[in-house]
Amino acid sequence: MLVRASVGVSQTAVYALMVVVVIAMCPVIMFAANGLSTDIQLYTVTLVEKTRELNMEKFKTETLLYQMVPRSVADRLKSCGSVSHMNLHSFTKYTNDIQPILHRSIPNKPFLRG
């Protein structure tokens, strides 16, 4: 009977120790979960800001593309990534260097009809 009593006491001591460990670990687990949820919320805010910036850059890029080429060409570029040659009725050529134009136009004499 003494053996049974000592087994019961030791088993109760183990259960009591387990309860103490669980009670001690609860605040630690709650603090860690709170910290993780805070980090996730900050990451979400950052992700939303970056998405807004990316959408703004996309808008600027598309606006610039539509200013540089006709809308039909720009739409094909966006959907396919390349465009085959095509005939246009008119176009505007942009050059950012005026020197070659001046060198070509200076030697030409104006054509006068008399």
Protein backbone atom coordinates (compact mmCIF):
# COMPACT_ATOMS: atom_id res chain seq x y z
CA MET A 1 0.00 0.00 0.00
CA LEU A 2 2.93 2.27 0.65
CA VAL A 3 4.20 1.68 -2.87
CA ARG A 4 0.84 2.62 -4.33
CA ALA A 5 0.75 5.81 -2.32
CA SER A 6 4.25 6.84 -3.45
CA VAL A 7 3.31 6.18 -7.10
CA GLY A 8 0.19 8.32 -6.68
CA VAL A 9 2.20 11.14 -5.08
CA SER A 10 4.85 11.10 -7.78
CA GLN A 11 2.19 11.02 -10.49
CA THR A 12 0.43 13.98 -8.87
CA ALA A 13 3.74 15.83 -8.68
CA VAL A 14 4.33 15.23 -12.41
CA TYR A 15 0.85 16.53 -13.25
CA ALA A 16 1.36 19.57 -11.03
CA LEU A 17 4.71 20.28 -12.70
CA MET A 18 3.08 20.03 -16.14
CA VAL A 19 0.37 22.51 -15.11
CA VAL A 20 3.01 24.93 -13.82
CA VAL A 21 4.98 24.66 -17.10
CA VAL A 22 1.84 25.24 -19.19
CA ILE A 23 0.83 28.25 -17.08
CA ALA A 24 4.36 29.67 -17.33
CA MET A 25 4.51 29.16 -21.11
CA CYS A 26 1.13 30.75 -21.93
CA PRO A 27 2.33 34.38 -21.61
CA VAL A 28 5.43 33.57 -23.66
CA ILE A 29 3.34 32.01 -26.43
CA MET A 30 0.86 34.91 -26.35
CA PHE A 31 3.69 37.46 -26.53
CA ALA A 32 5.26 35.63 -29.49
CA ALA A 33 1.91 35.40 -31.31
CA ASN A 34 1.30 39.11 -30.72
CA GLY A 35 4.73 39.95 -32.09
CA LEU A 36 4.16 37.81 -35.17
CA SER A 37 0.76 39.36 -35.86
CA THR A 38 2.29 42.85 -35.54
CA ASP A 39 5.01 41.91 -38.02
CA ILE A 40 2.41 40.55 -40.45
CA GLN A 41 0.38 43.76 -40.17
CA LEU A 42 3.46 45.90 -40.86
CA TYR A 43 4.34 43.72 -43.84
CA THR A 44 0.78 44.10 -45.15
CA VAL A 45 0.96 47.90 -44.90
CA THR A 46 4.32 47.89 -46.72
CA LEU A 47 2.92 45.58 -49.39
CA VAL A 48 -0.07 47.87 -49.96
CA GLU A 49 2.22 50.90 -50.31
CA LYS A 50 4.51 49.10 -52.76
CA THR A 51 1.49 47.93 -54.78
CA ARG A 52 0.27 51.53 -55.01
CA GLU A 53 3.71 52.69 -56.16
CA LEU A 54 3.89 49.89 -58.72
CA ASN A 55 0.44 50.75 -60.11
CA MET A 56 1.47 54.41 -60.36
CA GLU A 57 4.64 53.47 -62.27
CA LYS A 58 2.59 51.21 -64.54
CA PHE A 59 0.23 54.09 -65.28
CA LYS A 60 3.17 56.40 -66.07
CA THR A 61 4.78 53.77 -68.30
CA GLU A 62 1.56 53.12 -70.22
CA THR A 63 0.96 56.85 -70.64
CA LEU A 64 4.45 57.31 -72.03
CA LEU A 65 4.05 54.30 -74.32
CA TYR A 66 0.75 55.66 -75.68
CA GLN A 67 2.45 59.01 -76.35
CA MET A 68 5.31 57.37 -78.24
CA VAL A 69 3.44 54.87 -80.47
CA PRO A 70 -0.13 54.52 -81.72
CA ARG A 71 -2.56 52.91 -79.32
CA SER A 72 -3.00 49.80 -81.48
CA VAL A 73 0.76 49.21 -81.53
CA ALA A 74 1.04 49.84 -77.80
CA ASP A 75 -1.77 47.38 -77.07
CA ARG A 76 -0.10 44.71 -79.20
CA LEU A 77 3.21 45.35 -77.46
CA LYS A 78 1.57 44.94 -74.07
CA SER A 79 -0.26 41.74 -75.00
CA CYS A 80 2.32 39.98 -77.21
CA GLY A 81 5.63 41.60 -76.34
CA SER A 82 6.48 42.26 -80.00
CA VAL A 83 4.93 43.85 -83.04
CA SER A 84 5.46 42.98 -86.69
CA HIS A 85 5.99 45.74 -89.24
CA MET A 86 3.02 47.74 -90.35
CA ASN A 87 2.21 50.59 -92.71
CA LEU A 88 1.21 53.89 -91.16
CA HIS A 89 -0.37 56.80 -92.98
CA SER A 90 1.71 59.35 -91.12
CA PHE A 91 4.21 59.47 -88.30
CA THR A 92 6.33 61.88 -86.33
CA LYS A 93 10.01 61.23 -85.92
CA TYR A 94 11.57 62.35 -82.67
CA THR A 95 15.26 63.04 -82.39
CA ASN A 96 17.02 64.33 -79.34
CA ASP A 97 20.17 65.41 -81.19
CA ILE A 98 19.81 68.44 -83.44
CA GLN A 99 23.35 68.31 -84.87
CA PRO A 100 22.75 65.65 -87.57
CA ILE A 101 19.66 67.52 -88.76
CA LEU A 102 21.55 70.79 -89.03
CA HIS A 103 24.41 69.17 -90.94
CA ARG A 104 21.98 67.68 -93.44
CA SER A 105 19.97 70.84 -93.96
CA ILE A 106 22.80 73.44 -94.22
CA PRO A 107 24.22 72.28 -97.60
CA ASN A 108 20.79 72.26 -99.24
CA LYS A 109 19.91 75.38 -101.17
CA PRO A 110 16.33 76.52 -101.17
CA PHE A 111 14.46 75.64 -104.32
CA LEU A 112 13.10 78.79 -105.94
CA ARG A 113 10.73 78.80 -108.81
CA GLY A 114 11.22 81.69 -111.03
